[in-house]
């Protein structure tokens, strides 16, 4: 039998409880520091390969990398053309259904209108000293962004690893992309 009085037992329980609270507060402070000061991670999934849709993932990725974020852009289906050295310079802008195209869809559907719209957009890009898609790909790679090519899409479209810009990560599957997304602070689908 214990010889402790009820007040001594209560003081001991209070001290243990206080110690446990202090330990938990220290653990919480360490976790907050890790979250606030630790490296941030962003994953972007790029699924579209049109001229206007090549810019958002590349600009967001390069900007996040400039702020010290660990950034991965997983390119799948037509988004893969952004990383294709020959196709990146030939990306088109669709005239039909584009709310920013200054023409009715009936006119936009005429043969050659996508080429005309694309040429007009490329001129606007050049006139405003905006980087080309190729320049943005190189900037992203130089900034440490991991630009990944979906292997299933590479096989599906009959591309070869040598078709892509130097530095592009090939051989990446959906499972790897999914794990990157699980670990990321921000996930975007573009």
Protein backbone atom coordinates (compact mmCIF):
# COMPACT_ATOMS: atom_id res chain seq x y z
CA UNK A 1 0.00 0.00 0.00
CA UNK A 2 1.13 3.47 -0.76
CA UNK A 3 1.93 5.79 2.06
CA UNK A 4 1.29 8.85 -0.11
CA UNK A 5 -1.46 11.09 1.02
CA UNK A 6 -4.16 12.05 -1.50
CA UNK A 7 -2.67 15.52 -1.92
CA UNK A 8 0.80 14.06 -2.67
CA UNK A 9 -0.69 11.70 -5.30
CA UNK A 10 -2.60 14.62 -6.84
CA UNK A 11 0.57 16.76 -6.98
CA UNK A 12 2.46 13.90 -8.67
CA UNK A 13 -0.32 13.45 -11.27
CA UNK A 14 -0.40 17.19 -11.90
CA UNK A 15 3.40 17.27 -12.36
CA UNK A 16 3.25 14.33 -14.80
CA UNK A 17 0.42 15.97 -16.68
CA UNK A 18 2.30 19.29 -16.81
CA UNK A 19 5.42 17.49 -18.11
CA UNK A 20 3.37 15.71 -20.79
CA UNK A 21 1.81 19.03 -21.88
CA UNK A 22 5.26 20.65 -22.04
CA UNK A 23 6.54 17.75 -24.16
CA UNK A 24 3.59 18.02 -26.55
CA UNK A 25 4.01 21.80 -26.85
CA UNK A 26 7.71 21.31 -27.70
CA UNK A 27 6.79 18.69 -30.32
CA UNK A 28 4.15 20.99 -31.82
CA UNK A 29 6.62 23.91 -31.98
CA UNK A 30 9.16 21.69 -33.77
CA UNK A 31 6.51 20.58 -36.30
CA UNK A 32 5.44 24.18 -36.92
CA UNK A 33 9.05 25.19 -37.53
CA UNK A 34 9.51 22.29 -39.94
CA UNK A 35 6.36 23.20 -41.87
CA UNK A 36 7.06 26.94 -41.95
CA UNK A 37 10.78 26.77 -42.65
CA UNK A 38 11.08 23.47 -44.47
CA UNK A 39 11.22 23.21 -48.24
CA UNK A 40 7.88 23.63 -49.96
CA UNK A 41 6.90 21.25 -52.73
CA UNK A 42 4.65 21.86 -55.73
CA UNK A 43 3.51 19.37 -58.36
CA UNK A 44 1.84 20.50 -61.57
CA UNK A 45 0.21 18.10 -64.02
CA UNK A 46 0.31 19.52 -67.56
CA UNK A 47 -2.20 17.83 -69.86
CA UNK A 48 -2.64 20.30 -72.70
CA UNK A 49 -0.21 21.07 -75.49
CA UNK A 50 -1.65 24.21 -77.02
CA UNK A 51 0.33 27.43 -77.21
CA UNK A 52 -1.79 29.18 -74.60
CA UNK A 53 -1.70 26.22 -72.20
CA UNK A 54 2.08 25.78 -72.35
CA UNK A 55 2.70 29.01 -70.45
CA UNK A 56 0.86 28.49 -67.13
CA UNK A 57 2.70 25.35 -65.92
CA UNK A 58 6.11 26.65 -67.01
CA UNK A 59 5.67 30.13 -65.51
CA UNK A 60 4.20 28.82 -62.24
CA UNK A 61 6.95 26.20 -61.95
CA UNK A 62 9.80 28.65 -62.60
CA UNK A 63 8.33 31.22 -60.22
CA UNK A 64 7.93 28.66 -57.43
CA UNK A 65 11.49 27.43 -58.01
CA UNK A 66 12.75 31.03 -57.78
CA UNK A 67 11.16 31.17 -54.32
CA UNK A 68 13.03 28.04 -53.28
CA UNK A 69 10.26 25.52 -53.82
CA UNK A 70 10.92 21.96 -54.97
CA UNK A 71 8.86 21.77 -58.19
CA UNK A 72 7.85 18.89 -60.44
CA UNK A 73 5.80 19.23 -63.62
CA UNK A 74 4.39 15.92 -64.87
CA UNK A 75 3.55 16.21 -68.58
CA UNK A 76 1.05 13.73 -69.95
CA UNK A 77 -0.93 13.32 -73.16
CA UNK A 78 -0.78 16.50 -75.28
CA UNK A 79 1.12 18.32 -72.52
CA UNK A 80 4.07 16.18 -73.57
CA UNK A 81 4.45 18.32 -76.72
CA UNK A 82 5.65 21.18 -74.49
CA UNK A 83 8.78 19.11 -73.75
CA UNK A 84 9.25 17.86 -77.32
CA UNK A 85 12.08 19.87 -78.90
CA UNK A 86 10.50 20.03 -82.36
CA UNK A 87 6.87 20.35 -81.31
CA UNK A 88 7.39 23.06 -78.65
CA UNK A 89 8.07 25.65 -81.33
CA UNK A 90 5.02 24.57 -83.34
CA UNK A 91 2.31 24.63 -80.66
CA UNK A 92 -0.97 26.00 -81.95
CA UNK A 93 -3.74 28.09 -80.50
CA UNK A 94 -7.26 26.83 -81.14
CA UNK A 95 -9.60 29.40 -82.64
CA UNK A 96 -12.84 27.47 -82.19
CA UNK A 97 -14.43 27.76 -78.77
CA UNK A 98 -11.75 30.12 -77.52
CA UNK A 99 -13.49 33.01 -75.75
CA UNK A 100 -10.49 35.26 -76.36
CA UNK A 101 -10.46 34.77 -80.11
CA UNK A 102 -11.90 37.92 -81.67
CA UNK A 103 -14.05 36.08 -84.21
CA UNK A 104 -17.25 34.03 -84.29
CA UNK A 105 -16.84 30.24 -84.16
CA UNK A 106 -18.22 29.92 -87.69
CA UNK A 107 -15.28 31.97 -88.99
CA UNK A 108 -12.83 30.36 -86.55
CA UNK A 109 -13.71 26.93 -87.98
CA UNK A 110 -12.54 27.86 -91.48
CA UNK A 111 -9.39 26.12 -92.72
CA UNK A 112 -6.19 27.89 -91.70
CA UNK A 113 -7.72 29.91 -88.86
CA UNK A 114 -5.82 28.05 -86.12
CA UNK A 115 -2.57 28.81 -87.96
CA UNK A 116 -3.55 32.47 -88.33
CA UNK A 117 -4.55 32.76 -84.67
CA UNK A 118 -1.33 31.01 -83.60
CA UNK A 119 0.77 33.34 -85.76
CA UNK A 120 -1.00 36.37 -84.28
CA UNK A 121 -0.34 35.09 -80.74
CA UNK A 122 3.33 34.41 -81.47
CA UNK A 123 3.64 37.96 -82.81
CA UNK A 124 2.02 39.33 -79.67
CA UNK A 125 4.41 37.25 -77.54
CA UNK A 126 7.43 38.57 -79.48
CA UNK A 127 6.18 42.19 -79.52
CA UNK A 128 5.82 42.11 -75.73
CA UNK A 129 9.21 40.48 -75.10
CA UNK A 130 7.57 37.43 -73.53
CA UNK A 131 9.75 34.33 -73.48
CA UNK A 132 9.02 31.59 -75.98
CA UNK A 133 7.93 28.14 -74.85
CA UNK A 134 11.43 26.82 -75.55
CA UNK A 135 12.99 29.59 -73.44
CA UNK A 136 10.58 28.87 -70.60
CA UNK A 137 11.41 25.15 -70.72
CA UNK A 138 15.13 25.97 -70.48
CA UNK A 139 14.51 28.47 -67.68
CA UNK A 140 12.51 25.89 -65.73
CA UNK A 141 15.23 23.26 -66.17
CA UNK A 142 17.96 25.75 -65.23
CA UNK A 143 15.94 26.66 -62.12
CA UNK A 144 15.92 23.06 -60.96
CA UNK A 145 12.35 22.25 -61.94
CA UNK A 146 11.91 18.53 -62.60
CA UNK A 147 10.11 18.39 -65.95
CA UNK A 148 8.81 14.86 -66.31
CA UNK A 149 7.52 13.03 -69.40
CA UNK A 150 4.81 10.42 -68.81
CA UNK A 151 6.26 7.16 -70.10
CA UNK A 152 2.89 5.70 -71.09
CA UNK A 153 2.21 8.78 -73.24
CA UNK A 154 5.71 8.66 -74.73
CA UNK A 155 5.00 5.08 -75.82
CA UNK A 156 1.45 5.88 -76.96
CA UNK A 157 2.55 8.77 -79.18
CA UNK A 158 5.60 6.91 -80.50
CA UNK A 159 8.09 9.45 -79.15
CA UNK A 160 11.69 8.66 -78.31
CA UNK A 161 13.61 9.84 -75.26
CA UNK A 162 15.90 11.84 -77.57
CA UNK A 163 12.91 13.88 -78.79
CA UNK A 164 12.82 15.88 -75.56
CA UNK A 165 14.86 18.82 -74.31
CA UNK A 166 18.05 17.82 -72.48
CA UNK A 167 17.33 17.54 -68.78
CA UNK A 168 13.75 16.28 -69.09
CA UNK A 169 13.10 13.27 -66.86
CA UNK A 170 11.75 10.34 -68.88
CA UNK A 171 10.48 6.95 -67.78
CA UNK A 172 8.11 8.37 -65.18
CA UNK A 173 4.78 6.65 -64.65
CA UNK A 174 1.52 7.58 -63.00
CA UNK A 175 2.46 5.85 -59.73
CA UNK A 176 5.58 8.00 -59.36
CA UNK A 177 3.62 11.13 -60.24
CA UNK A 178 0.95 10.21 -57.72
CA UNK A 179 3.55 9.76 -54.95
CA UNK A 180 5.03 13.17 -55.80
CA UNK A 181 1.54 14.69 -55.49
CA UNK A 182 0.91 13.02 -52.12
CA UNK A 183 4.09 14.61 -50.74
CA UNK A 184 3.42 18.06 -52.24
CA UNK A 185 2.12 21.14 -50.47
CA UNK A 186 0.40 22.29 -53.66
CA UNK A 187 -0.94 20.18 -56.53
CA UNK A 188 -2.22 21.80 -59.73
CA UNK A 189 -3.81 20.33 -62.83
CA UNK A 190 -3.30 22.50 -65.91
